[in-house]
Amino acid sequence: MYTGRMVSVSLSEARSEFFDLVERAASGEKIMLLSRGNPRAMLVPVDTETRPLLTAAQAVDIFQHRQMDAAAWQSIRFPGDTIGEDGLG
């Protein structure tokens, strides 16, 4: 099994090795697809873990304040989540 490392592959190479790349991603490897050296997409393993639900009080708080308190965020966050931490979401 791969240990979360990321490799970059050109789209032309990805076309010819698609099924192998899918199997590598399914094994845990992250694969960045490049077009002319620029990142275009990423193959990553599917997250099969179920995420816990928010409580009703947490959902109301998020709706009213348009942000999560720390306890609500931690209840649904998985290691590696970056939503809101990179300024994009």
N, C-alpha and C. Protein backbone atom coordinates (compact mmCIF):
# COMPACT_ATOMS: atom_id res chain seq x y z
N MET A 1 0.84 -1.20 0.00
CA MET A 1 0.00 0.00 0.00
C MET A 1 0.87 1.24 0.00
N TYR A 2 0.43 2.26 -0.70
CA TYR A 2 1.17 3.51 -0.77
C TYR A 2 0.93 4.31 0.50
N THR A 3 1.84 5.20 0.81
CA THR A 3 1.77 5.92 2.08
C THR A 3 1.45 7.39 1.91
N GLY A 4 0.53 7.73 1.05
CA GLY A 4 0.08 9.10 0.93
C GLY A 4 1.00 10.01 0.15
N ARG A 5 2.00 9.47 -0.50
CA ARG A 5 2.86 10.34 -1.29
C ARG A 5 2.13 10.76 -2.57
N MET A 6 2.59 11.85 -3.19
CA MET A 6 1.94 12.32 -4.40
C MET A 6 2.94 12.29 -5.55
N VAL A 7 2.47 11.81 -6.68
CA VAL A 7 3.28 11.82 -7.89
C VAL A 7 2.55 12.65 -8.94
N SER A 8 3.29 13.15 -9.89
CA SER A 8 2.71 13.93 -10.99
C SER A 8 2.86 13.15 -12.28
N VAL A 9 1.80 13.16 -13.09
CA VAL A 9 1.78 12.43 -14.35
C VAL A 9 1.16 13.32 -15.41
N SER A 10 1.76 13.35 -16.59
CA SER A 10 1.19 14.13 -17.69
C SER A 10 -0.10 13.47 -18.17
N LEU A 11 -0.99 14.27 -18.74
CA LEU A 11 -2.25 13.72 -19.25
C LEU A 11 -2.01 12.69 -20.34
N SER A 12 -1.02 12.90 -21.19
CA SER A 12 -0.75 11.93 -22.25
C SER A 12 -0.29 10.60 -21.66
N GLU A 13 0.53 10.64 -20.61
CA GLU A 13 0.94 9.41 -19.93
C GLU A 13 -0.25 8.78 -19.21
N ALA A 14 -1.10 9.61 -18.62
CA ALA A 14 -2.27 9.11 -17.89
C ALA A 14 -3.22 8.37 -18.83
N ARG A 15 -3.35 8.84 -20.05
CA ARG A 15 -4.23 8.16 -21.02
C ARG A 15 -3.78 6.72 -21.24
N SER A 16 -2.49 6.55 -21.40
CA SER A 16 -2.00 5.20 -21.71
C SER A 16 -1.91 4.31 -20.48
N GLU A 17 -1.90 4.89 -19.28
CA GLU A 17 -1.76 4.11 -18.05
C GLU A 17 -2.96 4.29 -17.11
N PHE A 18 -4.11 4.64 -17.67
CA PHE A 18 -5.25 5.02 -16.85
C PHE A 18 -5.62 3.96 -15.80
N PHE A 19 -5.80 2.72 -16.21
CA PHE A 19 -6.25 1.69 -15.28
C PHE A 19 -5.22 1.43 -14.19
N ASP A 20 -3.94 1.48 -14.54
CA ASP A 20 -2.89 1.33 -13.54
C ASP A 20 -2.92 2.49 -12.55
N LEU A 21 -3.13 3.71 -13.04
CA LEU A 21 -3.19 4.87 -12.16
C LEU A 21 -4.39 4.80 -11.22
N VAL A 22 -5.52 4.31 -11.72
CA VAL A 22 -6.70 4.15 -10.86
C VAL A 22 -6.41 3.15 -9.75
N GLU A 23 -5.75 2.05 -10.06
CA GLU A 23 -5.41 1.06 -9.04
C GLU A 23 -4.43 1.65 -8.02
N ARG A 24 -3.48 2.43 -8.50
CA ARG A 24 -2.53 3.07 -7.56
C ARG A 24 -3.26 4.04 -6.64
N ALA A 25 -4.19 4.81 -7.18
CA ALA A 25 -4.96 5.74 -6.36
C ALA A 25 -5.82 4.97 -5.36
N ALA A 26 -6.41 3.88 -5.78
CA ALA A 26 -7.24 3.07 -4.88
C ALA A 26 -6.41 2.50 -3.74
N SER A 27 -5.11 2.34 -3.97
CA SER A 27 -4.22 1.82 -2.93
C SER A 27 -3.72 2.90 -1.99
N GLY A 28 -4.11 4.15 -2.23
CA GLY A 28 -3.75 5.23 -1.31
C GLY A 28 -2.86 6.30 -1.89
N GLU A 29 -2.37 6.13 -3.08
CA GLU A 29 -1.48 7.13 -3.67
C GLU A 29 -2.28 8.28 -4.26
N LYS A 30 -1.77 9.49 -4.13
CA LYS A 30 -2.39 10.66 -4.75
C LYS A 30 -1.62 10.96 -6.03
N ILE A 31 -2.36 11.14 -7.12
CA ILE A 31 -1.73 11.32 -8.43
C ILE A 31 -2.23 12.62 -9.05
N MET A 32 -1.32 13.57 -9.23
CA MET A 32 -1.63 14.86 -9.85
C MET A 32 -1.51 14.71 -11.36
N LEU A 33 -2.55 15.11 -12.08
CA LEU A 33 -2.54 15.05 -13.54
C LEU A 33 -2.17 16.42 -14.08
N LEU A 34 -1.17 16.46 -14.95
CA LEU A 34 -0.64 17.72 -15.46
C LEU A 34 -0.91 17.87 -16.95
N SER A 35 -1.21 19.09 -17.36
CA SER A 35 -1.33 19.44 -18.76
C SER A 35 -0.32 20.55 -19.04
N ARG A 36 0.68 20.22 -19.86
CA ARG A 36 1.76 21.17 -20.15
C ARG A 36 2.41 21.68 -18.87
N GLY A 37 2.55 20.79 -17.91
CA GLY A 37 3.21 21.13 -16.66
C GLY A 37 2.34 21.79 -15.62
N ASN A 38 1.08 22.07 -15.96
CA ASN A 38 0.16 22.73 -15.02
C ASN A 38 -0.81 21.71 -14.44
N PRO A 39 -1.02 21.74 -13.12
CA PRO A 39 -1.97 20.82 -12.50
C PRO A 39 -3.38 21.03 -13.06
N ARG A 40 -4.05 19.93 -13.41
CA ARG A 40 -5.41 20.01 -13.96
C ARG A 40 -6.41 19.21 -13.14
N ALA A 41 -5.98 18.09 -12.55
CA ALA A 41 -6.88 17.24 -11.78
C ALA A 41 -6.04 16.34 -10.90
N MET A 42 -6.73 15.62 -9.98
CA MET A 42 -6.02 14.72 -9.10
C MET A 42 -6.82 13.44 -8.91
N LEU A 43 -6.12 12.31 -8.95
CA LEU A 43 -6.72 11.02 -8.62
C LEU A 43 -6.36 10.74 -7.16
N VAL A 44 -7.38 10.48 -6.36
CA VAL A 44 -7.17 10.20 -4.93
C VAL A 44 -8.03 9.00 -4.55
N PRO A 45 -7.67 8.32 -3.46
CA PRO A 45 -8.50 7.21 -3.03
C PRO A 45 -9.85 7.70 -2.55
N VAL A 46 -10.86 6.87 -2.68
CA VAL A 46 -12.21 7.19 -2.23
C VAL A 46 -12.25 7.06 -0.71
N ASP A 47 -12.84 8.03 -0.04
CA ASP A 47 -13.00 8.00 1.40
C ASP A 47 -14.27 7.21 1.71
N THR A 48 -14.11 6.03 2.28
CA THR A 48 -15.26 5.18 2.55
C THR A 48 -15.76 5.29 3.99
N GLU A 49 -15.07 6.09 4.81
CA GLU A 49 -15.51 6.28 6.18
C GLU A 49 -16.73 7.20 6.20
N THR A 50 -17.68 6.87 7.05
CA THR A 50 -18.83 7.74 7.18
C THR A 50 -18.48 8.87 8.14
N ARG A 51 -18.98 10.03 7.84
CA ARG A 51 -18.72 11.20 8.69
C ARG A 51 -19.86 11.36 9.68
N PRO A 52 -19.54 11.74 10.89
CA PRO A 52 -20.60 11.92 11.88
C PRO A 52 -21.50 13.09 11.52
N LEU A 53 -22.75 13.01 11.96
CA LEU A 53 -23.71 14.08 11.71
C LEU A 53 -23.57 15.17 12.75
N LEU A 54 -23.96 16.37 12.38
CA LEU A 54 -24.01 17.47 13.33
C LEU A 54 -25.25 17.34 14.20
N THR A 55 -25.18 17.89 15.38
CA THR A 55 -26.39 17.96 16.21
C THR A 55 -27.27 19.08 15.65
N ALA A 56 -28.53 19.08 16.03
CA ALA A 56 -29.45 20.13 15.57
C ALA A 56 -28.97 21.49 16.05
N ALA A 57 -28.49 21.56 17.29
CA ALA A 57 -28.01 22.84 17.82
C ALA A 57 -26.81 23.36 17.04
N GLN A 58 -25.91 22.47 16.65
CA GLN A 58 -24.76 22.88 15.85
C GLN A 58 -25.19 23.37 14.47
N ALA A 59 -26.16 22.69 13.86
CA ALA A 59 -26.65 23.09 12.55
C ALA A 59 -27.31 24.47 12.61
N VAL A 60 -28.11 24.72 13.63
CA VAL A 60 -28.75 26.02 13.80
C VAL A 60 -27.70 27.11 14.00
N ASP A 61 -26.70 26.82 14.81
CA ASP A 61 -25.63 27.79 15.06
C ASP A 61 -24.89 28.14 13.77
N ILE A 62 -24.61 27.13 12.96
CA ILE A 62 -23.93 27.37 11.68
C ILE A 62 -24.81 28.23 10.79
N PHE A 63 -26.10 27.91 10.72
CA PHE A 63 -27.02 28.67 9.87
C PHE A 63 -27.11 30.12 10.33
N GLN A 64 -27.24 30.34 11.63
CA GLN A 64 -27.41 31.69 12.15
C GLN A 64 -26.14 32.53 12.06
N HIS A 65 -25.00 31.93 12.30
CA HIS A 65 -23.76 32.69 12.36
C HIS A 65 -22.88 32.52 11.12
N ARG A 66 -23.29 31.64 10.24
CA ARG A 66 -22.56 31.37 9.00
C ARG A 66 -21.12 30.93 9.26
N GLN A 67 -20.89 30.33 10.40
CA GLN A 67 -19.60 29.70 10.68
C GLN A 67 -19.78 28.67 11.78
N MET A 68 -18.86 27.76 11.85
CA MET A 68 -18.94 26.68 12.84
C MET A 68 -18.16 27.03 14.08
N ASP A 69 -18.69 26.58 15.21
CA ASP A 69 -17.87 26.67 16.41
C ASP A 69 -16.85 25.54 16.35
N ALA A 70 -15.85 25.61 17.18
CA ALA A 70 -14.76 24.64 17.13
C ALA A 70 -15.25 23.21 17.35
N ALA A 71 -16.21 23.01 18.26
CA ALA A 71 -16.71 21.66 18.54
C ALA A 71 -17.44 21.08 17.33
N ALA A 72 -18.22 21.90 16.62
CA ALA A 72 -18.93 21.41 15.44
C ALA A 72 -17.94 21.03 14.35
N TRP A 73 -16.94 21.88 14.15
CA TRP A 73 -15.94 21.60 13.11
C TRP A 73 -15.19 20.32 13.44
N GLN A 74 -14.77 20.15 14.68
CA GLN A 74 -14.02 18.95 15.06
C GLN A 74 -14.88 17.69 14.96
N SER A 75 -16.20 17.82 15.15
CA SER A 75 -17.06 16.63 15.08
C SER A 75 -17.18 16.08 13.68
N ILE A 76 -16.98 16.89 12.66
CA ILE A 76 -17.10 16.40 11.28
C ILE A 76 -15.78 16.37 10.54
N ARG A 77 -14.74 16.90 11.14
CA ARG A 77 -13.46 17.01 10.45
C ARG A 77 -12.69 15.69 10.49
N PHE A 78 -12.05 15.38 9.39
CA PHE A 78 -11.16 14.24 9.31
C PHE A 78 -9.75 14.78 9.13
N PRO A 79 -8.72 14.05 9.55
CA PRO A 79 -7.35 14.51 9.34
C PRO A 79 -7.12 14.83 7.87
N GLY A 80 -6.52 15.96 7.60
CA GLY A 80 -6.24 16.35 6.24
C GLY A 80 -7.26 17.29 5.64
N ASP A 81 -8.44 17.43 6.26
CA ASP A 81 -9.44 18.39 5.76
C ASP A 81 -8.87 19.80 5.82
N THR A 82 -9.09 20.57 4.77
CA THR A 82 -8.59 21.94 4.76
C THR A 82 -9.66 22.94 4.42
N ILE A 83 -10.92 22.55 4.42
CA ILE A 83 -11.99 23.47 4.07
C ILE A 83 -11.96 24.64 5.04
N GLY A 84 -11.87 25.83 4.49
CA GLY A 84 -11.86 27.03 5.30
C GLY A 84 -10.49 27.42 5.80
N GLU A 85 -9.53 26.52 5.73
CA GLU A 85 -8.19 26.84 6.23
C GLU A 85 -7.31 27.45 5.15
N ASP A 86 -7.70 27.32 3.90
CA ASP A 86 -6.88 27.84 2.81
C ASP A 86 -7.47 29.09 2.19
N GLY A 87 -8.53 29.61 2.78
CA GLY A 87 -9.16 30.83 2.27
C GLY A 87 -10.08 30.58 1.09
N LEU A 88 -10.31 29.33 0.73
CA LEU A 88 -11.13 29.03 -0.45
C LEU A 88 -12.53 28.56 -0.10
N GLY A 89 -12.78 28.17 1.12
CA GLY A 89 -14.10 27.61 1.39
C GLY A 89 -14.61 27.94 2.76
